[in-house]
Amino acid sequence: MASYVRALYEFSGEPGTSEISISVGDVLQVTRTDVGEGWWEGKNTNTGCIGLFPAAYVEVMSAVEAKQQQNSQVSQSTSDSHNTTARYDSAVDDYNDGDDWEDDWDEDNDTYSEIGPSNNISSKYTEKQLSHSASNYDNRNLPATPNDDNSVPMPGNNNTSSLKKSSMFGKSSDSFILGLGNKDKLPDNELVKIVPYDNFYQWQSNEGQSYSVIVASPKKESKFKGMKTFIAYQLTPSFNNISVSRRYKHFDWLHERLVDKFCLIPIPPLPDKQISGRYEEQFVEHRRVQLQEFVDWVCRHPVLSKCEVWYHFLTCTDEKVWKMGKRKAERDTYVGITYCWAISPPEKQLLQSYVDSQMDSCSQFIHTMDVSVRNLLTISNEMAKKYQSQSKKEFQRIGDGLSDLSKSLAVDERRAPSGNKSLADSVAKVGDIFCVIGQQFGEQPKLDWIPFSDRLHIYRGILNSFPDILSTHKGAMQKRKECERLAAEQKMSNSQMVDVNRRTDIVSYAVMAEMSHFRKERETHLKQTLKSLVEEQIKFYTAIVSKLQDAYAQFD
């Protein structure tokens, strides 16, 4: 039997989207309940319109009422239901298949894949087309409703009581705090734990499960007799030693999935896109190094390194399996704040004063470190340019000057030869040494300043993500305060308030665990980065001193 619901409140659909407007008393035939947290799809039997509406605005009709409604509209309902399903499935297929993923797997439109926008699956899809995607509604804002409850019955439960609403149900991220949304059991490999550590909290480490991934062998490949060209990188995980071929656009797709899924975990940035010179050997190798930095960071993260979409990206070699995994990832309902259902924190209730002090400290630190990293990144880029151009030219200019001097000295030495060592030859050799030093300056940034900039690029991206994370946490705390006010007014039960506090603590625990992981990264990864920079500088200047000593020896 089809599921029917009755509208309890008026809702005006947003123009240009798949939302529909409903009035109090309208009867809707529900066609989908898995669109996204807080949203259902259905047909308004009064207007015939098909689209999305807030699940919190309707009540489920009893079995008797649903049967009467079905009998009264059997012919029209059958036809419209078929059209509804076909229309929605067609829209989803357009979204998932319209970009021709098989073509994406084998071929490449370089204009898009290398320099196109990275915040959409494909720039050729309009917002209206994308709005049909279930994942688009996971982070949509839902309008406020007048009463309170922390659960919403699903259609077909034969629940005849009216659904109570909450005035604090203002946006989709609030639904987790209120206990709404997807609560299906997740597989064990997707569950993550937070454990105490040195008076702080951290993600439970994957002991015995650490691994690495090598990004290597970038190759220019082509299709259709060279009409389609792209660079493919070979990724080889240490846990199976089976290589997979991935292009930059595949990394771009993965990055978007990770950003969508983990709103409380900063995702490292990808290398910047470039318009020209994409196939030059130097650029390709540098991009490989930058992609290696991205991959290394994900592998070291105890949560990112075990998520399903990441494993799919690393291991899938079959085209059809890849396509199915891609669709599954794009339809994932555990994204954004909803992912918190997968987090298992300590049972201890957090003190508000402790949480506030941690968040204030984190906010101040993130701001100051962001400023310093940006400044250091600017300095690093300037040093690389200085070595490659100014310093290189200066030393080569000295070498050319000494070379000219040696030629002038040689003129007089030919007129009056001396049995002693030729000064002209000595000066010429010194000039050659200075030219070699200039060449070494030009090559040196590849060993120190450019790798240092690549590491700072990762840190800059991570730091840029923290303000949004702290903003999400702040929104959760504000929602808890609203719930406390409702509880004080006896509009929310004590048991509901306990659940709200628990779910708010999950958000706080997650942010503090990520802060601990970032601290650990700084103490190991950043320390090694600075050590490598100084080490390469020592090697470089030691080599320069050795060259200058050779120049000095020319006059002994």
Protein backbone atom coordinates (compact mmCIF):
# COMPACT_ATOMS: atom_id res chain seq x y z
CA MET A 1 0.00 0.00 0.00
CA ALA A 2 1.24 3.44 -0.88
CA SER A 3 2.22 5.73 2.01
CA TYR A 4 0.29 8.96 2.46
CA VAL A 5 0.95 11.94 4.72
CA ARG A 6 -1.05 15.03 5.61
CA ALA A 7 0.48 18.50 5.78
CA LEU A 8 0.33 20.05 9.23
CA TYR A 9 1.98 23.31 8.26
CA GLU A 10 2.27 25.48 5.20
CA PHE A 11 5.53 25.36 3.27
CA SER A 12 6.57 27.42 0.25
CA GLY A 13 9.00 25.64 -2.07
CA GLU A 14 12.04 27.58 -3.20
CA PRO A 15 11.70 28.66 -6.85
CA GLY A 16 14.06 27.01 -9.33
CA THR A 17 14.53 23.87 -7.18
CA SER A 18 12.79 20.51 -6.80
CA GLU A 19 10.86 21.69 -3.72
CA ILE A 20 7.07 21.86 -3.84
CA SER A 21 4.70 24.08 -1.91
CA ILE A 22 2.14 22.55 0.44
CA SER A 23 -0.77 23.95 2.44
CA VAL A 24 -2.25 22.80 5.72
CA GLY A 25 -4.42 19.74 5.10
CA ASP A 26 -2.88 18.77 1.74
CA VAL A 27 -2.49 15.03 1.23
CA LEU A 28 0.78 13.83 -0.30
CA GLN A 29 1.69 10.43 -1.65
CA VAL A 30 5.25 9.67 -0.52
CA THR A 31 7.52 8.26 -3.21
CA ARG A 32 10.92 8.50 -1.50
CA THR A 33 12.09 8.83 2.10
CA ASP A 34 15.84 8.49 1.49
CA VAL A 35 16.37 11.80 -0.30
CA GLY A 36 18.44 13.31 2.50
CA GLU A 37 18.17 14.20 6.15
CA GLY A 38 14.84 15.85 6.90
CA TRP A 39 13.52 15.73 3.30
CA TRP A 40 11.06 13.43 1.56
CA GLU A 41 9.78 13.28 -2.00
CA GLY A 42 6.13 12.96 -2.92
CA LYS A 43 3.19 14.04 -5.02
CA ASN A 44 0.67 16.60 -3.79
CA THR A 45 -2.66 14.93 -4.61
CA ASN A 46 -4.42 18.31 -4.59
CA THR A 47 -2.15 20.10 -7.08
CA GLY A 48 -0.50 17.16 -8.84
CA CYS A 49 2.94 18.68 -8.20
CA ILE A 50 5.84 16.31 -7.56
CA GLY A 51 8.91 17.23 -5.54
CA LEU A 52 10.61 17.55 -2.16
CA PHE A 53 9.14 18.75 1.13
CA PRO A 54 10.24 18.82 4.82
CA ALA A 55 9.37 15.56 6.57
CA ALA A 56 8.84 17.51 9.80
CA TYR A 57 5.88 19.37 8.25
CA VAL A 58 3.66 16.34 7.74
CA GLU A 59 2.00 13.56 9.72
CA VAL A 60 1.64 9.96 8.59
CA MET A 61 -1.94 9.03 7.82
CA SER A 62 -3.45 5.91 9.36
CA ALA A 63 -3.76 2.71 7.34
CA VAL A 64 -7.53 3.23 6.97
CA GLU A 65 -7.12 6.81 5.76
CA ALA A 66 -4.34 5.77 3.38
CA LYS A 67 -6.50 3.00 1.90
CA GLN A 68 -9.42 5.37 1.39
CA GLN A 69 -7.15 7.89 -0.26
CA GLN A 70 -5.66 5.21 -2.50
CA ASN A 71 -9.07 3.89 -3.54
CA SER A 72 -10.40 7.36 -4.34
CA GLN A 73 -7.48 8.14 -6.65
CA VAL A 74 -6.50 4.66 -7.89
CA SER A 75 -6.34 5.46 -11.59
CA GLN A 76 -4.77 8.89 -11.38
CA SER A 77 -2.47 7.84 -8.59
CA THR A 78 -1.17 4.86 -10.55
CA SER A 79 -0.38 7.01 -13.58
CA ASP A 80 1.15 9.88 -11.63
CA SER A 81 3.15 7.57 -9.38
CA HIS A 82 4.69 5.96 -12.45
CA ASN A 83 5.53 9.38 -13.88
CA THR A 84 6.95 10.51 -10.56
CA THR A 85 9.27 7.53 -10.29
CA ALA A 86 10.35 7.79 -13.92
CA ARG A 87 10.94 11.51 -13.63
CA TYR A 88 13.01 11.23 -10.47
CA ASP A 89 15.01 8.23 -11.69
CA SER A 90 15.67 10.02 -14.95
CA ALA A 91 16.95 13.05 -13.05
CA VAL A 92 19.22 10.91 -10.89
CA ASP A 93 20.48 9.05 -13.96
CA ASP A 94 21.13 12.39 -15.67
CA TYR A 95 23.18 13.45 -12.70
CA ASN A 96 25.12 10.22 -12.30
CA ASP A 97 25.36 9.02 -15.89
CA GLY A 98 25.05 12.24 -17.84
CA ASP A 99 28.67 13.07 -17.24
CA ASP A 100 29.51 9.81 -19.01
CA TRP A 101 31.72 8.32 -16.31
CA GLU A 102 32.90 5.58 -18.61
CA ASP A 103 34.22 8.37 -20.81
CA ASP A 104 35.70 10.04 -17.75
CA TRP A 105 37.49 6.82 -16.86
CA ASP A 106 39.19 6.40 -20.21
CA GLU A 107 39.23 9.83 -21.76
CA ASP A 108 39.74 13.37 -20.69
CA ASN A 109 38.47 16.81 -21.49
CA ASP A 110 41.58 18.66 -20.43
CA THR A 111 39.84 22.01 -20.32
CA TYR A 112 37.62 20.78 -17.51
CA SER A 113 39.73 18.13 -15.84
CA GLU A 114 42.78 20.31 -15.37
CA ILE A 115 41.48 23.84 -15.06
CA GLY A 116 37.70 23.55 -14.62
CA PRO A 117 35.78 24.31 -11.42
CA SER A 118 36.44 21.90 -8.59
CA ASN A 119 33.35 22.58 -6.52
CA ASN A 120 30.92 20.74 -8.82
CA ILE A 121 30.87 17.29 -10.36
CA SER A 122 30.60 18.94 -13.77
CA SER A 123 30.18 22.56 -14.75
CA LYS A 124 27.72 21.61 -17.49
CA TYR A 125 25.03 20.74 -14.94
CA THR A 126 22.81 23.52 -13.73
CA GLU A 127 21.79 24.04 -10.13
CA LYS A 128 18.29 22.88 -10.99
CA GLN A 129 19.59 19.61 -12.39
CA LEU A 130 21.86 19.07 -9.42
CA SER A 131 19.00 19.73 -7.03
CA HIS A 132 17.56 16.34 -8.02
CA SER A 133 20.54 14.67 -6.42
CA ALA A 134 19.88 13.25 -2.98
CA SER A 135 23.23 14.40 -1.70
CA ASN A 136 22.39 18.03 -2.42
CA TYR A 137 19.75 17.98 0.29
CA ASP A 138 21.98 16.65 3.03
CA ASN A 139 23.12 20.18 3.86
CA ARG A 140 20.09 22.20 2.85
CA ASN A 141 18.48 24.59 5.33
CA LEU A 142 15.10 23.50 6.61
CA PRO A 143 12.50 26.07 7.73
CA ALA A 144 11.54 26.47 11.35
CA THR A 145 8.53 24.60 12.76
CA PRO A 146 6.46 25.41 15.82
CA ASN A 147 6.65 22.52 18.34
CA ASP A 148 9.28 20.07 19.54
CA ASP A 149 10.24 16.41 19.27
CA ASN A 150 13.39 14.48 18.53
CA SER A 151 11.96 11.83 16.25
CA VAL A 152 10.02 11.64 13.03
CA PRO A 153 7.96 8.51 12.17
CA MET A 154 8.59 7.07 8.74
CA PRO A 155 5.73 6.52 6.28
CA GLY A 156 4.03 3.17 6.62
CA ASN A 157 4.52 2.90 10.41
CA ASN A 158 0.76 3.17 11.01
CA ASN A 159 1.42 5.99 13.45
CA THR A 160 -1.82 7.97 13.75
CA SER A 161 -0.57 10.55 16.21
CA SER A 162 0.40 14.00 14.96
CA LEU A 163 4.07 14.64 14.47
CA LYS A 164 5.35 17.23 16.91
CA LYS A 165 7.76 19.82 15.59
CA SER A 166 10.57 21.90 17.08
CA SER A 167 11.05 25.65 16.84
CA MET A 168 14.78 25.07 16.83
CA PHE A 169 14.69 22.97 13.67
CA GLY A 170 16.24 25.79 11.68
CA LYS A 171 18.88 24.13 9.53
CA SER A 172 19.94 20.65 8.49
CA SER A 173 22.99 20.59 10.78
CA ASP A 174 20.62 20.99 13.72
CA SER A 175 18.88 17.71 12.86
CA PHE A 176 21.73 15.70 14.36
CA ILE A 177 21.53 17.62 17.63
CA LEU A 178 17.78 16.94 17.68
CA GLY A 179 18.26 13.26 16.91
CA LEU A 180 16.75 13.38 13.43
CA GLY A 181 18.18 11.97 10.22
CA ASN A 182 19.78 8.66 9.27
CA LYS A 183 20.42 6.32 12.20
CA ASP A 184 20.96 3.06 10.33
CA LYS A 185 23.72 0.85 11.67
CA LEU A 186 27.03 1.50 10.00
CA PRO A 187 29.52 -1.27 9.18
CA ASP A 188 32.24 -1.71 11.79
CA ASN A 189 34.96 -0.48 9.43
CA GLU A 190 33.17 2.88 9.17
CA LEU A 191 32.77 3.42 12.93
CA VAL A 192 35.37 5.59 14.66
CA LYS A 193 36.18 5.94 18.34
CA ILE A 194 37.50 8.84 20.38
CA VAL A 195 39.64 7.96 23.40
CA PRO A 196 41.28 9.96 26.23
CA TYR A 197 44.95 10.85 25.81
CA ASP A 198 47.13 12.96 28.16
CA ASN A 199 44.24 15.05 29.50
CA PHE A 200 43.00 15.51 25.93
CA TYR A 201 41.09 13.35 23.45
CA GLN A 202 42.16 11.80 20.17
CA TRP A 203 40.91 9.56 17.39
CA GLN A 204 41.65 5.93 18.19
CA SER A 205 44.74 5.00 16.20
CA ASN A 206 44.69 2.19 13.65
CA GLU A 207 47.32 0.10 15.38
CA GLY A 208 48.77 -2.52 13.10
CA GLN A 209 46.79 -1.13 10.16
CA SER A 210 49.02 1.75 9.08
CA TYR A 211 50.04 1.78 5.44
CA SER A 212 51.52 4.03 2.80
CA VAL A 213 50.74 4.78 -0.83
CA ILE A 214 53.30 5.57 -3.52
CA VAL A 215 52.35 8.02 -6.29
CA ALA A 216 54.66 7.32 -9.21
CA SER A 217 55.18 6.88 -12.95
CA PRO A 218 53.17 9.80 -14.36
CA LYS A 219 52.57 9.12 -18.03
CA LYS A 220 50.94 11.06 -20.83
CA GLU A 221 48.27 8.86 -22.35
CA SER A 222 45.85 9.44 -25.19
CA LYS A 223 42.66 8.16 -26.82
CA PHE A 224 41.15 8.47 -30.28
CA LYS A 225 44.49 8.77 -32.05
CA GLY A 226 45.71 11.56 -29.82
CA MET A 227 42.53 13.65 -29.80
CA LYS A 228 42.12 13.03 -26.05
CA THR A 229 45.21 13.33 -23.87
CA PHE A 230 45.78 13.21 -20.12
CA ILE A 231 48.38 12.48 -17.46
CA ALA A 232 47.83 9.29 -15.46
CA TYR A 233 49.54 8.63 -12.11
CA GLN A 234 50.10 5.15 -10.70
CA LEU A 235 49.08 4.69 -7.04
CA THR A 236 50.38 1.63 -5.21
CA PRO A 237 49.17 0.94 -1.63
CA SER A 238 51.52 -0.99 0.61
CA PHE A 239 48.75 -3.28 1.87
CA ASN A 240 48.25 -5.00 -1.50
CA ASN A 241 50.99 -3.69 -3.85
CA ILE A 242 48.43 -3.45 -6.68
CA SER A 243 48.74 -0.27 -8.74
CA VAL A 244 45.75 1.74 -9.92
CA SER A 245 45.79 4.50 -12.52
CA ARG A 246 44.32 7.86 -11.53
CA ARG A 247 44.16 11.24 -13.20
CA TYR A 248 43.94 14.64 -11.57
CA LYS A 249 40.17 14.77 -12.16
CA HIS A 250 39.80 11.55 -10.15
CA PHE A 251 41.69 13.19 -7.28
CA ASP A 252 39.39 16.19 -7.67
CA TRP A 253 36.30 13.96 -7.41
CA LEU A 254 37.74 12.22 -4.33
CA HIS A 255 38.54 15.54 -2.66
CA GLU A 256 34.96 16.71 -3.15
CA ARG A 257 33.59 13.51 -1.61
CA LEU A 258 35.88 13.83 1.43
CA VAL A 259 34.99 17.50 1.96
CA ASP A 260 31.28 16.69 1.77
CA LYS A 261 31.54 13.74 4.14
CA PHE A 262 33.81 15.11 6.86
CA CYS A 263 32.68 18.56 7.97
CA LEU A 264 34.62 18.30 11.27
CA ILE A 265 37.87 17.05 9.71
CA PRO A 266 40.00 19.37 7.53
CA ILE A 267 40.82 17.80 4.18
CA PRO A 268 44.29 18.58 2.78
CA PRO A 269 44.20 20.62 -0.44
CA LEU A 270 45.09 19.34 -3.88
CA PRO A 271 47.72 21.02 -6.06
CA ASP A 272 46.50 24.18 -7.75
CA LYS A 273 45.14 23.79 -11.26
CA GLN A 274 47.11 25.17 -14.17
CA ILE A 275 46.09 26.30 -17.62
CA SER A 276 49.31 25.97 -19.60
CA GLY A 277 52.31 23.67 -19.44
CA ARG A 278 50.34 20.73 -18.06
CA TYR A 279 52.39 18.23 -20.03
CA GLU A 280 55.82 19.68 -19.37
CA GLU A 281 58.04 17.18 -17.59
CA GLN A 282 58.96 19.56 -14.77
CA PHE A 283 55.33 20.45 -14.06
CA VAL A 284 54.17 16.83 -14.18
CA GLU A 285 56.85 15.74 -11.72
CA HIS A 286 56.10 18.62 -9.37
CA ARG A 287 52.39 17.76 -9.42
CA ARG A 288 53.26 14.15 -8.65
CA VAL A 289 55.19 15.32 -5.58
CA GLN A 290 52.25 17.50 -4.49
CA LEU A 291 49.78 14.63 -4.95
CA GLN A 292 52.12 12.48 -2.86
CA GLU A 293 51.87 15.07 -0.07
CA PHE A 294 48.06 14.90 -0.25
CA VAL A 295 48.06 11.09 -0.22
CA ASP A 296 50.54 10.91 2.68
CA TRP A 297 48.41 13.21 4.83
CA VAL A 298 45.27 11.13 4.24
CA CYS A 299 47.15 7.89 4.96
CA ARG A 300 48.34 9.26 8.31
CA HIS A 301 44.85 10.30 9.42
CA PRO A 302 43.15 7.62 11.58
CA VAL A 303 39.68 8.42 10.19
CA LEU A 304 40.29 9.45 6.59
CA SER A 305 42.65 6.52 5.99
CA LYS A 306 39.93 3.94 6.71
CA CYS A 307 36.88 5.50 5.03
CA GLU A 308 35.19 3.55 2.27
CA VAL A 309 35.46 6.11 -0.54
CA TRP A 310 39.22 6.40 0.03
CA TYR A 311 39.68 2.63 -0.16
CA HIS A 312 37.57 2.55 -3.30
CA PHE A 313 39.78 5.21 -4.83
CA LEU A 314 42.95 3.27 -3.93
CA THR A 315 41.92 -0.25 -4.87
CA CYS A 316 39.29 -0.31 -7.62
CA THR A 317 40.63 -1.43 -10.99
CA ASP A 318 37.39 -2.52 -12.63
CA GLU A 319 35.45 0.09 -14.59
CA LYS A 320 31.96 -1.17 -13.67
CA VAL A 321 32.84 -1.61 -9.99
CA TRP A 322 34.31 1.89 -9.99
CA LYS A 323 31.09 3.31 -11.40
CA MET A 324 28.97 1.56 -8.76
CA GLY A 325 31.27 2.75 -6.00
CA LYS A 326 31.15 6.27 -7.40
CA ARG A 327 27.36 6.29 -7.32
CA LYS A 328 27.33 4.87 -3.82
CA ALA A 329 29.71 7.57 -2.59
CA GLU A 330 27.65 10.34 -4.19
CA ARG A 331 24.47 8.98 -2.55
CA ASP A 332 26.07 8.56 0.85
CA THR A 333 23.71 9.84 3.54
CA TYR A 334 26.38 9.96 6.26
CA VAL A 335 27.82 13.26 5.14
CA GLY A 336 28.37 16.57 6.89
CA ILE A 337 27.16 16.73 10.47
CA THR A 338 25.26 13.46 9.93
CA TYR A 339 28.60 11.65 9.98
CA CYS A 340 28.62 12.21 13.74
CA TRP A 341 26.31 9.17 14.01
CA ALA A 342 29.42 7.13 13.15
CA ILE A 343 31.45 8.58 16.04
CA SER A 344 31.71 6.77 19.37
CA PRO A 345 33.08 9.15 22.04
CA PRO A 346 33.86 8.56 25.73
CA GLU A 347 30.84 8.28 28.03
CA LYS A 348 32.04 11.17 30.18
CA GLN A 349 29.92 14.32 29.88
CA LEU A 350 32.03 17.35 29.03
CA LEU A 351 32.04 20.45 31.19
CA GLN A 352 30.95 23.53 29.28
CA SER A 353 33.76 25.60 30.75
CA TYR A 354 36.33 23.05 29.55
CA VAL A 355 34.87 22.98 26.04
CA ASP A 356 34.75 26.78 25.83
CA SER A 357 38.38 27.13 26.91
CA GLN A 358 39.49 24.51 24.37
CA MET A 359 37.61 26.16 21.52
CA ASP A 360 38.83 29.66 22.41
CA SER A 361 42.41 28.43 22.58
CA CYS A 362 42.03 26.61 19.26
CA SER A 363 40.53 29.66 17.56
CA GLN A 364 43.36 31.93 18.69
CA PHE A 365 46.01 29.40 17.73
CA ILE A 366 44.53 28.70 14.28
CA HIS A 367 44.42 32.42 13.50
CA THR A 368 48.01 33.10 14.54
CA MET A 369 49.38 30.00 12.83
CA ASP A 370 47.44 30.77 9.65
CA VAL A 371 49.00 34.24 9.50
CA SER A 372 52.49 32.87 10.11
CA VAL A 373 52.13 30.05 7.57
CA ARG A 374 50.89 32.44 4.89
CA ASN A 375 53.80 34.77 5.59
CA LEU A 376 56.30 31.93 5.54
CA LEU A 377 54.79 30.57 2.33
CA THR A 378 55.29 33.98 0.71
CA ILE A 379 58.90 34.07 1.94
CA SER A 380 59.52 30.53 0.69
CA ASN A 381 58.20 31.33 -2.79
CA GLU A 382 60.26 34.50 -2.91
CA MET A 383 63.40 32.61 -1.86
CA ALA A 384 62.81 30.02 -4.58
CA LYS A 385 62.44 32.75 -7.20
CA LYS A 386 65.47 34.59 -5.86
CA TYR A 387 67.65 31.48 -6.06
CA GLN A 388 66.36 30.55 -9.52
CA SER A 389 66.74 33.99 -11.04
CA GLN A 390 68.51 36.74 -9.07
CA SER A 391 71.20 34.71 -7.27
CA LYS A 392 71.82 32.52 -10.29
CA LYS A 393 72.29 35.55 -12.52
CA GLU A 394 74.48 37.36 -9.97
CA PHE A 395 76.98 34.52 -9.66
CA GLN A 396 76.97 33.88 -13.38
CA ARG A 397 77.57 37.59 -13.90
CA ILE A 398 80.60 37.36 -11.59
CA GLY A 399 81.80 34.35 -13.54
CA ASP A 400 81.40 36.15 -16.87
CA GLY A 401 83.29 39.16 -15.47
CA LEU A 402 86.18 36.99 -14.34
CA SER A 403 86.17 35.23 -17.70
CA ASP A 404 86.55 38.59 -19.46
CA LEU A 405 89.40 39.48 -17.09
CA SER A 406 91.19 36.21 -17.86
CA LYS A 407 90.99 36.93 -21.60
CA SER A 408 92.57 40.35 -21.14
CA LEU A 409 95.33 38.89 -18.97
CA ALA A 410 95.99 36.23 -21.60
CA VAL A 411 96.79 38.93 -24.18
CA ASP A 412 99.72 40.23 -22.17
CA GLU A 413 100.86 36.73 -21.19
CA ARG A 414 101.17 35.80 -24.84
CA ARG A 415 103.39 38.88 -25.36
CA ALA A 416 105.65 38.08 -22.42
CA PRO A 417 105.30 34.43 -21.36
CA SER A 418 106.24 33.56 -17.81
CA GLY A 419 107.42 30.28 -16.43
CA ASN A 420 105.08 30.66 -13.47
CA LYS A 421 101.50 29.39 -13.38
CA SER A 422 99.36 31.37 -15.76
CA LEU A 423 97.26 33.95 -13.89
CA ALA A 424 94.88 34.10 -16.83
CA ASP A 425 94.17 30.36 -16.53
CA SER A 426 93.63 30.66 -12.76
CA VAL A 427 91.21 33.55 -13.19
CA ALA A 428 89.38 31.65 -15.95
CA LYS A 429 88.95 28.61 -13.69
CA VAL A 430 87.66 30.80 -10.87
CA GLY A 431 85.19 32.36 -13.32
CA ASP A 432 84.00 28.88 -14.30
CA ILE A 433 83.55 28.01 -10.63
CA PHE A 434 81.35 31.07 -10.05
CA CYS A 435 79.24 30.13 -13.10
CA VAL A 436 78.80 26.62 -11.63
CA ILE A 437 77.80 28.15 -8.29
CA GLY A 438 75.19 30.21 -10.11
CA GLN A 439 73.83 27.05 -11.74
CA GLN A 440 73.67 25.36 -8.33
CA PHE A 441 71.65 28.29 -6.97
CA GLY A 442 69.19 27.85 -9.84
CA GLU A 443 68.73 24.13 -9.14
CA GLN A 444 68.73 24.25 -5.33
CA PRO A 445 65.05 25.33 -4.73
CA LYS A 446 63.94 21.95 -6.09
CA LEU A 447 65.59 20.40 -3.03
CA ASP A 448 64.59 22.81 -0.26
CA TRP A 449 62.38 25.83 -0.85
CA ILE A 450 59.91 24.25 -3.29
CA PRO A 451 59.32 21.11 -1.14
CA PHE A 452 59.01 23.42 1.85
CA SER A 453 56.37 25.46 -0.02
CA ASP A 454 54.49 22.26 -0.89
CA ARG A 455 54.30 21.32 2.79
CA LEU A 456 53.19 24.82 3.73
CA HIS A 457 50.51 24.59 1.02
CA ILE A 458 49.08 21.57 2.85
CA TYR A 459 49.12 23.39 6.20
CA ARG A 460 47.53 26.48 4.70
CA GLY A 461 44.64 24.35 3.36
CA ILE A 462 44.21 22.58 6.70
CA LEU A 463 44.21 25.87 8.61
CA ASN A 464 41.68 27.36 6.17
CA SER A 465 39.26 24.57 7.07
CA PHE A 466 39.28 25.10 10.83
CA PRO A 467 37.13 28.29 10.90
CA ASP A 468 34.27 26.35 9.28
CA ILE A 469 34.78 23.50 11.73
CA LEU A 470 34.66 25.87 14.69
CA SER A 471 31.61 27.58 13.18
CA THR A 472 29.83 24.21 12.96
CA HIS A 473 30.68 23.55 16.60
CA LYS A 474 29.45 26.99 17.58
CA GLY A 475 26.14 26.31 15.82
CA ALA A 476 25.76 23.07 17.77
CA MET A 477 26.36 24.88 21.06
CA GLN A 478 23.82 27.55 20.17
CA LYS A 479 21.28 24.84 19.39
CA ARG A 480 21.89 23.26 22.78
CA LYS A 481 21.25 26.61 24.46
CA GLU A 482 17.94 26.86 22.63
CA CYS A 483 17.08 23.37 23.82
CA GLU A 484 17.97 24.32 27.39
CA ARG A 485 15.59 27.25 27.12
CA LEU A 486 12.83 24.97 25.84
CA ALA A 487 13.52 22.51 28.65
CA ALA A 488 13.28 25.34 31.19
CA GLU A 489 9.91 26.23 29.68
CA GLN A 490 8.92 22.55 29.93
CA LYS A 491 8.58 22.32 26.16
CA MET A 492 11.24 19.62 26.05
CA SER A 493 11.51 16.60 28.32
CA ASN A 494 14.53 15.93 30.50
CA SER A 495 15.30 12.74 28.60
CA GLN A 496 15.33 14.66 25.33
CA MET A 497 17.66 17.24 26.86
CA VAL A 498 20.04 14.50 28.00
CA ASP A 499 20.15 13.18 24.43
CA VAL A 500 20.78 16.69 23.08
CA ASN A 501 23.68 17.16 25.50
CA ARG A 502 25.13 13.81 24.49
CA ARG A 503 24.99 14.58 20.77
CA THR A 504 26.47 18.04 21.34
CA ASP A 505 29.31 16.40 23.24
CA ILE A 506 29.98 14.18 20.22
CA VAL A 507 30.58 17.30 18.12
CA SER A 508 32.86 18.74 20.83
CA TYR A 509 34.77 15.48 21.20
CA ALA A 510 35.26 15.28 17.42
CA VAL A 511 36.66 18.81 17.19
CA MET A 512 39.03 18.22 20.11
CA ALA A 513 40.15 14.89 18.63
CA GLU A 514 40.97 16.65 15.36
CA MET A 515 42.86 19.35 17.26
CA SER A 516 44.92 16.61 18.94
CA HIS A 517 45.66 14.97 15.59
CA PHE A 518 46.75 18.30 14.13
CA ARG A 519 49.03 18.82 17.13
CA LYS A 520 50.55 15.39 16.56
CA GLU A 521 51.11 16.19 12.90
CA ARG A 522 52.90 19.41 13.83
CA GLU A 523 55.14 17.64 16.29
CA THR A 524 56.21 15.02 13.76
CA HIS A 525 55.44 16.08 10.19
CA LEU A 526 56.18 19.81 10.55
CA LYS A 527 59.28 19.11 12.61
CA GLN A 528 60.59 16.80 9.89
CA THR A 529 59.74 19.41 7.26
CA LEU A 530 61.83 22.08 8.97
CA LYS A 531 64.62 19.60 9.63
CA SER A 532 64.74 18.68 5.94
CA LEU A 533 64.85 22.35 4.93
CA VAL A 534 67.83 23.07 7.21
CA GLU A 535 69.55 19.84 6.19
CA GLU A 536 69.32 20.72 2.48
CA GLN A 537 70.56 24.23 3.19
CA ILE A 538 73.57 22.79 5.03
CA LYS A 539 74.34 20.49 2.11
CA PHE A 540 73.97 23.34 -0.34
CA TYR A 541 76.17 25.86 1.43
CA THR A 542 78.72 23.15 2.23
CA ALA A 543 78.93 22.49 -1.52
CA ILE A 544 79.27 26.25 -2.17
CA VAL A 545 82.09 26.52 0.39
CA SER A 546 83.81 23.58 -1.28
CA LYS A 547 83.60 25.34 -4.65
CA LEU A 548 84.98 28.55 -3.18
CA GLN A 549 87.85 26.60 -1.63
CA ASP A 550 88.63 25.23 -5.09
CA ALA A 551 88.66 28.81 -6.36
CA TYR A 552 91.01 29.85 -3.55
CA ALA A 553 93.37 27.01 -4.37
CA GLN A 554 93.85 28.38 -7.86
CA PHE A 555 96.10 31.11 -6.42
CA ASP A 556 98.29 28.92 -4.21
